[in-house]
Amino acid sequence: MTSTPPPHMTQPPPPGQPAVPIIQLVDIRKSYFMGKQELPVLKGVSLDIFKNEYVALMGPSGSGKSTLMNILGCLDTPSAGAYILNGQDVSKMADDNLADVRNVEIGFVFQQFNLLPRLTAAENVALPLVYAGIPRKIRMERAMAVLEKVSLTDRSHHKPNELSGGQCQRVAIARALINNPSLILADEPTGNLDSKTSIEIMDIFTSIQASGNTVVLVTHEEDIANYAHRIVRLRDGVIESDRRHAAAPQLV
């Protein structure tokens, strides 16, 4: 399906990147209803994100950033507007089709880790491959390969209660990478971690983006957002600002 060009491009593509965005949001609107009362949350968001970008979404409570994240992750659908993800219009897909898109195109990292307590680190990482029908031997080989990317192969046989918070988040990041998705979405990925561990986790995201992945993270912390190369700020359901910076400062 051919997508309609957005009314404006919030940013041109980075140097050397194709002009076709991996994410194209066109006048996205989202409302919830309490009885007959409409509560508009997103009020017309148009945004292009290009392959291999590293983008932070920021905004105060009630700005719409979590709702936008849910739409980007195909966990929710917009009330109006179009969302083109990697060439597919996902904004009007049925739930079953959205589930397929989530499993193939998107890797999620959450603040709460969302690991299954009875499974080992490697088994947690391999879980998305179970749903894809991949044989166990191949699942575990691929799980070990992505655990190596997050420097956790030595803890692959440990269960979540035997791991630190930072190690659990590394497992969650490895799980997000297992299907080689088009997009990594991270929602407050350092929210439960101390400063030192936060630095280690953000260094991993930097490496992931440097290896060619597209990373979008939601955070309310300026020092975390500054790891990204582009910061999009929302306020009252619209984009307030959208800026790039050349180098990502380190946490102190």
Protein backbone atom coordinates (compact mmCIF):
# COMPACT_ATOMS: atom_id res chain seq x y z
CA MET A 1 0.00 0.00 0.00
CA THR A 2 1.35 3.42 -0.97
CA SER A 3 1.53 5.76 1.97
CA THR A 4 0.43 9.38 1.89
CA PRO A 5 3.32 11.81 2.45
CA PRO A 6 3.08 13.64 5.75
CA PRO A 7 2.07 17.31 5.69
CA HIS A 8 5.55 18.15 6.97
CA MET A 9 8.75 16.37 7.85
CA THR A 10 9.79 17.09 11.40
CA GLN A 11 13.39 16.30 10.46
CA PRO A 12 15.13 15.37 7.21
CA PRO A 13 16.89 11.99 7.14
CA PRO A 14 20.37 11.85 8.70
CA PRO A 15 23.29 12.09 6.24
CA GLY A 16 23.71 8.91 4.24
CA GLN A 17 20.31 7.47 5.18
CA PRO A 18 17.51 6.66 2.68
CA ALA A 19 14.78 9.29 2.38
CA VAL A 20 12.05 6.72 3.13
CA PRO A 21 11.32 6.62 6.87
CA ILE A 22 11.03 3.35 8.78
CA ILE A 23 8.30 5.07 10.85
CA GLN A 24 5.89 7.53 9.30
CA LEU A 25 3.20 9.04 11.49
CA VAL A 26 0.67 11.19 9.64
CA ASP A 27 -1.64 13.38 11.76
CA ILE A 28 -2.03 10.73 14.48
CA ARG A 29 -4.89 11.37 16.86
CA LYS A 30 -6.00 9.29 19.82
CA SER A 31 -8.97 9.83 22.10
CA TYR A 32 -10.41 7.83 24.95
CA PHE A 33 -14.00 8.02 26.13
CA MET A 34 -15.53 8.20 29.58
CA GLY A 35 -19.17 7.55 28.80
CA LYS A 36 -19.95 10.07 26.07
CA GLN A 37 -17.15 12.42 27.06
CA GLU A 38 -14.20 12.38 24.65
CA LEU A 39 -10.72 12.75 26.16
CA PRO A 40 -8.27 13.64 23.37
CA VAL A 41 -4.70 12.54 24.21
CA LEU A 42 -2.87 12.87 20.86
CA LYS A 43 -4.05 15.85 18.82
CA GLY A 44 -2.31 15.50 15.47
CA VAL A 45 1.22 14.06 15.63
CA SER A 46 3.21 13.83 12.39
CA LEU A 47 6.67 12.35 12.74
CA ASP A 48 9.20 10.57 10.55
CA ILE A 49 11.89 8.32 12.03
CA PHE A 50 14.54 6.93 9.71
CA LYS A 51 16.48 3.69 9.71
CA ASN A 52 19.32 3.61 12.28
CA GLU A 53 18.11 6.71 14.10
CA TYR A 54 18.32 6.93 17.89
CA VAL A 55 15.34 8.93 19.12
CA ALA A 56 14.18 9.86 22.62
CA LEU A 57 10.54 10.77 23.29
CA MET A 58 10.12 13.14 26.22
CA GLY A 59 7.30 15.07 27.82
CA PRO A 60 5.63 15.77 31.15
CA SER A 61 2.96 13.51 32.60
CA GLY A 62 -0.13 13.76 30.43
CA SER A 63 1.79 14.89 27.35
CA GLY A 64 0.81 11.80 25.37
CA LYS A 65 4.25 10.18 25.15
CA SER A 66 3.14 6.84 26.61
CA THR A 67 0.11 6.73 24.30
CA LEU A 68 2.37 7.50 21.35
CA MET A 69 4.75 4.75 22.46
CA ASN A 70 1.87 2.26 22.58
CA ILE A 71 0.87 3.21 19.05
CA LEU A 72 4.46 2.96 17.80
CA GLY A 73 4.65 -0.50 19.37
CA CYS A 74 1.35 -1.61 17.79
CA LEU A 75 -0.04 -2.14 21.29
CA ASP A 76 -2.79 0.37 20.50
CA THR A 77 -4.30 1.88 17.36
CA PRO A 78 -4.90 5.55 16.59
CA SER A 79 -8.39 7.05 16.45
CA ALA A 80 -7.40 8.86 13.24
CA GLY A 81 -4.34 9.31 11.05
CA ALA A 82 -1.95 6.83 9.46
CA TYR A 83 1.02 4.88 10.85
CA ILE A 84 3.31 3.37 8.23
CA LEU A 85 5.86 0.96 9.75
CA ASN A 86 8.52 -0.37 7.41
CA GLY A 87 6.24 0.11 4.42
CA GLN A 88 3.07 -1.32 6.02
CA ASP A 89 0.07 0.75 7.08
CA VAL A 90 -0.51 -0.74 10.53
CA SER A 91 -2.94 1.92 11.77
CA LYS A 92 -6.05 0.01 10.72
CA MET A 93 -4.84 -3.58 11.09
CA ALA A 94 -6.82 -6.20 12.98
CA ASP A 95 -5.46 -7.33 16.34
CA ASP A 96 -4.17 -10.68 15.01
CA ASN A 97 -2.20 -8.94 12.27
CA LEU A 98 -0.84 -6.41 14.74
CA ALA A 99 0.40 -9.27 16.92
CA ASP A 100 2.31 -10.66 13.94
CA VAL A 101 3.84 -7.23 13.27
CA ARG A 102 4.89 -6.89 16.91
CA ASN A 103 6.60 -10.28 16.90
CA VAL A 104 8.51 -9.68 13.66
CA GLU A 105 9.15 -5.95 13.42
CA ILE A 106 9.47 -4.70 17.01
CA GLY A 107 11.65 -5.52 20.00
CA PHE A 108 10.38 -4.20 23.35
CA VAL A 109 12.35 -3.26 26.46
CA PHE A 110 10.31 -2.24 29.52
CA GLN A 111 11.13 -0.68 32.87
CA GLN A 112 9.81 -3.77 34.70
CA PHE A 113 11.89 -6.30 32.63
CA ASN A 114 8.84 -8.62 32.23
CA LEU A 115 10.87 -11.82 32.53
CA LEU A 116 9.27 -15.16 33.37
CA PRO A 117 10.61 -16.21 36.80
CA ARG A 118 10.73 -19.97 36.14
CA LEU A 119 12.79 -19.67 32.94
CA THR A 120 16.54 -19.20 32.71
CA ALA A 121 18.02 -16.08 31.09
CA ALA A 122 18.57 -17.99 27.83
CA GLU A 123 15.03 -19.39 27.87
CA ASN A 124 13.58 -15.92 28.49
CA VAL A 125 15.58 -14.54 25.58
CA ALA A 126 14.44 -17.37 23.29
CA LEU A 127 10.75 -17.00 24.19
CA PRO A 128 9.70 -15.00 21.07
CA LEU A 129 11.12 -17.82 18.93
CA VAL A 130 8.82 -20.33 20.63
CA TYR A 131 5.83 -18.44 19.24
CA ALA A 132 7.51 -18.43 15.82
CA GLY A 133 7.81 -22.24 15.88
CA ILE A 134 11.63 -22.33 15.81
CA PRO A 135 13.13 -25.65 17.04
CA ARG A 136 14.67 -25.59 20.52
CA LYS A 137 18.26 -26.20 19.44
CA ILE A 138 18.18 -23.22 17.05
CA ARG A 139 16.36 -21.10 19.64
CA MET A 140 19.06 -21.66 22.24
CA GLU A 141 21.88 -21.04 19.75
CA ARG A 142 20.35 -17.71 18.78
CA ALA A 143 19.66 -16.84 22.42
CA MET A 144 23.30 -17.39 23.34
CA ALA A 145 24.40 -15.26 20.38
CA VAL A 146 22.35 -12.25 21.52
CA LEU A 147 23.31 -12.78 25.18
CA GLU A 148 26.89 -12.41 24.00
CA LYS A 149 25.98 -9.00 22.55
CA VAL A 150 24.95 -7.85 26.03
CA SER A 151 27.91 -9.57 27.75
CA LEU A 152 25.80 -12.05 29.70
CA THR A 153 26.62 -15.50 28.33
CA ASP A 154 28.12 -16.50 31.69
CA ARG A 155 24.73 -16.01 33.36
CA SER A 156 22.63 -17.70 30.66
CA HIS A 157 21.56 -20.58 32.96
CA HIS A 158 20.49 -18.32 35.85
CA LYS A 159 16.88 -17.44 36.60
CA PRO A 160 15.75 -13.82 37.10
CA ASN A 161 15.81 -14.05 40.91
CA GLU A 162 19.51 -14.97 40.66
CA LEU A 163 20.32 -11.88 38.59
CA SER A 164 20.79 -8.22 39.49
CA GLY A 165 18.46 -5.56 38.11
CA GLY A 166 21.01 -4.57 35.50
CA GLN A 167 21.50 -8.18 34.45
CA CYS A 168 17.72 -8.67 34.16
CA GLN A 169 17.54 -5.62 31.90
CA ARG A 170 20.36 -7.06 29.75
CA VAL A 171 18.30 -10.23 29.38
CA ALA A 172 15.30 -8.12 28.37
CA ILE A 173 17.41 -6.28 25.78
CA ALA A 174 18.71 -9.57 24.39
CA ARG A 175 15.12 -10.83 24.14
CA ALA A 176 14.20 -7.68 22.22
CA LEU A 177 17.01 -8.39 19.73
CA ILE A 178 16.30 -12.11 19.19
CA ASN A 179 14.09 -11.66 16.09
CA ASN A 180 16.41 -9.06 14.52
CA PRO A 181 13.53 -6.53 14.54
CA SER A 182 13.30 -3.35 12.45
CA LEU A 183 12.74 -1.28 15.59
CA ILE A 184 13.78 -1.40 19.25
CA LEU A 185 11.32 0.37 21.59
CA ALA A 186 12.48 1.05 25.14
CA ASP A 187 10.07 2.44 27.75
CA GLU A 188 11.94 4.00 30.70
CA PRO A 189 14.62 1.27 30.41
CA THR A 190 16.70 2.60 33.31
CA GLY A 191 13.78 3.59 35.57
CA ASN A 192 14.49 0.85 38.15
CA LEU A 193 18.29 1.02 38.00
CA ASP A 194 20.99 2.92 39.87
CA SER A 195 23.20 5.47 38.08
CA LYS A 196 26.15 3.14 37.46
CA THR A 197 23.94 0.39 36.04
CA SER A 198 22.03 2.96 33.98
CA ILE A 199 25.29 3.97 32.29
CA GLU A 200 26.01 0.32 31.44
CA ILE A 201 22.51 -0.19 29.98
CA MET A 202 22.63 3.01 27.93
CA ASP A 203 26.06 2.00 26.60
CA ILE A 204 24.40 -1.20 25.33
CA PHE A 205 21.70 0.79 23.53
CA THR A 206 24.43 2.95 21.98
CA SER A 207 26.14 -0.20 20.69
CA ILE A 208 22.83 -1.58 19.38
CA GLN A 209 22.19 1.61 17.42
CA ALA A 210 25.78 1.73 16.18
CA SER A 211 25.37 -1.79 14.79
CA GLY A 212 22.49 -0.64 12.57
CA ASN A 213 19.32 -0.86 14.65
CA THR A 214 16.69 1.86 14.96
CA VAL A 215 16.13 2.73 18.64
CA VAL A 216 13.27 4.78 20.13
CA LEU A 217 13.16 5.29 23.89
CA VAL A 218 10.70 7.00 26.18
CA THR A 219 12.22 8.70 29.20
CA HIS A 220 11.57 11.60 31.54
CA GLU A 221 15.28 11.91 32.42
CA GLU A 222 17.30 14.49 30.48
CA ASP A 223 20.62 12.70 30.97
CA ILE A 224 19.16 9.48 29.55
CA ALA A 225 17.54 11.34 26.63
CA ASN A 226 20.89 12.92 25.79
CA TYR A 227 22.23 9.51 24.83
CA ALA A 228 19.90 9.67 21.82
CA HIS A 229 20.87 11.63 18.72
CA ARG A 230 17.44 13.21 18.39
CA ILE A 231 15.00 14.35 21.07
CA VAL A 232 11.28 14.76 20.35
CA ARG A 233 9.34 16.58 23.06
CA LEU A 234 5.57 16.30 23.44
CA ARG A 235 3.26 18.59 25.33
CA ASP A 236 -0.55 18.48 25.48
CA GLY A 237 -0.76 15.86 22.74
CA VAL A 238 1.35 17.60 20.10
CA ILE A 239 5.06 17.80 19.25
CA GLU A 240 6.55 20.80 21.01
CA SER A 241 10.08 20.44 19.63
CA ASP A 242 12.21 18.07 17.58
CA ARG A 243 15.97 18.52 17.54
CA ARG A 244 19.13 16.62 16.71
CA HIS A 245 22.52 16.90 18.35
CA ALA A 246 25.78 15.56 16.99
CA ALA A 247 27.21 13.79 20.01
CA ALA A 248 25.49 12.07 22.90
CA PRO A 249 26.93 13.22 26.26
CA GLN A 250 27.65 10.58 28.88
CA LEU A 251 25.85 10.31 32.19
CA VAL A 252 27.70 11.76 35.17
